[in-house]
Amino acid sequence: MGWFGSKKEDDQPLRHDRQKCWESRDAYFACLDATGVVKPGDEGSKCKETKVVYEQNCAKSWVDYFNKRRVLAEQQANVLAQVNSQASEAKRKS
């Protein structure tokens, strides 16, 4: 478990710990994408195994950050799509 399971303040995450975290996050988010879920936690039991691995391999603060960032990125994509649609419509009218 390494630095995630330790309570020492001076423990630093190792490169392989970060890599495991990112890989498990990517696997969990891929499962969410496959089930059409944007907000982590809303998938029910569909991605249970990948979620458990993700939460084991990443510090809680990282899990919280990645989950919030995923939702924000989706919101930003929706806003950009709307703006682009409005811009295209405005060009057609002019």
C-alpha atoms as a PDB file:
ATOM      1  CA  MET A   1       0.000   0.000   0.000  1.00  0.00           C
ATOM      2  CA  GLY A   2       2.982   2.297   0.506  1.00  0.00           C
ATOM      3  CA  TRP A   3       2.454   5.952   1.215  1.00  0.00           C
ATOM      4  CA  PHE A   4      -1.339   5.772   1.027  1.00  0.00           C
ATOM      5  CA  GLY A   5      -1.631   3.478   4.032  1.00  0.00           C
ATOM      6  CA  SER A   6       1.011   5.190   6.151  1.00  0.00           C
ATOM      7  CA  LYS A   7       0.337   7.933   8.651  1.00  0.00           C
ATOM      8  CA  LYS A   8       3.859   9.367   8.508  1.00  0.00           C
ATOM      9  CA  GLU A   9       3.925  12.996   7.434  1.00  0.00           C
ATOM     10  CA  ASP A  10       7.280  12.699   5.652  1.00  0.00           C
ATOM     11  CA  ASP A  11       6.347   9.821   3.320  1.00  0.00           C
ATOM     12  CA  GLN A  12       6.563  10.883  -0.299  1.00  0.00           C
ATOM     13  CA  PRO A  13       4.645   9.177  -3.095  1.00  0.00           C
ATOM     14  CA  LEU A  14       6.891   7.183  -5.349  1.00  0.00           C
ATOM     15  CA  ARG A  15       6.623   7.288  -9.105  1.00  0.00           C
ATOM     16  CA  HIS A  16       5.238   3.745  -9.264  1.00  0.00           C
ATOM     17  CA  ASP A  17       2.614   4.625  -6.602  1.00  0.00           C
ATOM     18  CA  ARG A  18       1.436   7.575  -8.665  1.00  0.00           C
ATOM     19  CA  GLN A  19       1.417   5.448 -11.817  1.00  0.00           C
ATOM     20  CA  LYS A  20      -0.720   2.770 -10.107  1.00  0.00           C
ATOM     21  CA  CYS A  21      -3.121   5.477  -8.972  1.00  0.00           C
ATOM     22  CA  TRP A  22      -3.440   6.981 -12.444  1.00  0.00           C
ATOM     23  CA  GLU A  23      -3.883   3.586 -14.101  1.00  0.00           C
ATOM     24  CA  SER A  24      -6.601   2.532 -11.665  1.00  0.00           C
ATOM     25  CA  ARG A  25      -8.291   5.940 -12.053  1.00  0.00           C
ATOM     26  CA  ASP A  26      -8.229   5.569 -15.836  1.00  0.00           C
ATOM     27  CA  ALA A  27      -9.713   2.056 -15.597  1.00  0.00           C
ATOM     28  CA  TYR A  28     -12.490   3.266 -13.291  1.00  0.00           C
ATOM     29  CA  PHE A  29     -13.275   6.276 -15.469  1.00  0.00           C
ATOM     30  CA  ALA A  30     -13.302   4.049 -18.579  1.00  0.00           C
ATOM     31  CA  CYS A  31     -15.886   1.882 -16.840  1.00  0.00           C
ATOM     32  CA  LEU A  32     -17.940   4.986 -16.029  1.00  0.00           C
ATOM     33  CA  ASP A  33     -17.694   6.092 -19.665  1.00  0.00           C
ATOM     34  CA  ALA A  34     -18.820   2.648 -20.844  1.00  0.00           C
ATOM     35  CA  THR A  35     -21.875   2.821 -18.591  1.00  0.00           C
ATOM     36  CA  GLY A  36     -22.652   6.435 -19.535  1.00  0.00           C
ATOM     37  CA  VAL A  37     -22.074   7.823 -16.034  1.00  0.00           C
ATOM     38  CA  VAL A  38     -20.409  11.206 -15.559  1.00  0.00           C
ATOM     39  CA  LYS A  39     -20.404  11.642 -11.773  1.00  0.00           C
ATOM     40  CA  PRO A  40     -18.396   9.008  -9.919  1.00  0.00           C
ATOM     41  CA  GLY A  41     -20.550   7.260  -7.358  1.00  0.00           C
ATOM     42  CA  ASP A  42     -23.698   7.401  -9.498  1.00  0.00           C
ATOM     43  CA  GLU A  43     -22.931   4.089 -11.234  1.00  0.00           C
ATOM     44  CA  GLY A  44     -24.396   1.862  -8.552  1.00  0.00           C
ATOM     45  CA  SER A  45     -22.727  -1.554  -8.592  1.00  0.00           C
ATOM     46  CA  LYS A  46     -21.691  -1.452 -12.270  1.00  0.00           C
ATOM     47  CA  CYS A  47     -18.029  -0.472 -11.719  1.00  0.00           C
ATOM     48  CA  LYS A  48     -17.580  -1.833  -8.223  1.00  0.00           C
ATOM     49  CA  GLU A  49     -14.304  -3.721  -8.787  1.00  0.00           C
ATOM     50  CA  THR A  50     -12.534  -0.885 -10.581  1.00  0.00           C
ATOM     51  CA  LYS A  51     -13.773   1.631  -7.998  1.00  0.00           C
ATOM     52  CA  VAL A  52     -12.382  -0.442  -5.125  1.00  0.00           C
ATOM     53  CA  VAL A  53      -8.969  -0.701  -6.826  1.00  0.00           C
ATOM     54  CA  TYR A  54      -9.014   3.024  -7.608  1.00  0.00           C
ATOM     55  CA  GLU A  55      -9.779   3.952  -4.014  1.00  0.00           C
ATOM     56  CA  GLN A  56      -7.113   1.538  -2.707  1.00  0.00           C
ATOM     57  CA  ASN A  57      -4.393   2.826  -5.034  1.00  0.00           C
ATOM     58  CA  CYS A  58      -5.037   6.558  -4.609  1.00  0.00           C
ATOM     59  CA  ALA A  59      -5.009   8.834  -1.601  1.00  0.00           C
ATOM     60  CA  LYS A  60      -8.492  10.011  -0.612  1.00  0.00           C
ATOM     61  CA  SER A  61      -7.589  13.612  -1.426  1.00  0.00           C
ATOM     62  CA  TRP A  62      -6.570  12.509  -4.935  1.00  0.00           C
ATOM     63  CA  VAL A  63      -9.787  10.521  -5.403  1.00  0.00           C
ATOM     64  CA  ASP A  64     -11.830  13.561  -4.369  1.00  0.00           C
ATOM     65  CA  TYR A  65      -9.852  15.822  -6.712  1.00  0.00           C
ATOM     66  CA  PHE A  66     -10.043  13.475  -9.723  1.00  0.00           C
ATOM     67  CA  ASN A  67     -13.768  12.885  -9.218  1.00  0.00           C
ATOM     68  CA  LYS A  68     -14.526  16.613  -8.999  1.00  0.00           C
ATOM     69  CA  ARG A  69     -12.289  17.324 -11.984  1.00  0.00           C
ATOM     70  CA  ARG A  70     -14.152  14.719 -14.059  1.00  0.00           C
ATOM     71  CA  VAL A  71     -17.506  16.401 -13.392  1.00  0.00           C
ATOM     72  CA  LEU A  72     -16.082  19.875 -14.094  1.00  0.00           C
ATOM     73  CA  ALA A  73     -14.511  18.710 -17.362  1.00  0.00           C
ATOM     74  CA  GLU A  74     -17.875  17.354 -18.529  1.00  0.00           C
ATOM     75  CA  GLN A  75     -19.601  20.619 -17.618  1.00  0.00           C
ATOM     76  CA  GLN A  76     -16.946  22.588 -19.506  1.00  0.00           C
ATOM     77  CA  ALA A  77     -17.350  20.374 -22.559  1.00  0.00           C
ATOM     78  CA  ASN A  78     -21.103  20.959 -22.533  1.00  0.00           C
ATOM     79  CA  VAL A  79     -20.663  24.729 -22.266  1.00  0.00           C
ATOM     80  CA  LEU A  80     -18.104  24.769 -25.093  1.00  0.00           C
ATOM     81  CA  ALA A  81     -20.389  22.693 -27.297  1.00  0.00           C
ATOM     82  CA  GLN A  82     -23.242  25.119 -26.653  1.00  0.00           C
ATOM     83  CA  VAL A  83     -21.046  28.146 -27.398  1.00  0.00           C
ATOM     84  CA  ASN A  84     -19.782  26.570 -30.632  1.00  0.00           C
ATOM     85  CA  SER A  85     -23.328  25.758 -31.665  1.00  0.00           C
ATOM     86  CA  GLN A  86     -24.430  29.337 -31.028  1.00  0.00           C
ATOM     87  CA  ALA A  87     -21.430  30.686 -32.924  1.00  0.00           C
ATOM     88  CA  SER A  88     -22.199  28.460 -35.916  1.00  0.00           C
ATOM     89  CA  GLU A  89     -25.826  29.545 -35.889  1.00  0.00           C
ATOM     90  CA  ALA A  90     -24.807  33.217 -35.728  1.00  0.00           C
ATOM     91  CA  LYS A  91     -22.489  32.771 -38.736  1.00  0.00           C
ATOM     92  CA  ARG A  92     -25.279  31.178 -40.761  1.00  0.00           C
ATOM     93  CA  LYS A  93     -27.606  34.085 -40.024  1.00  0.00           C
ATOM     94  CA  SER A  94     -25.093  36.746 -41.006  1.00  0.00           C
END
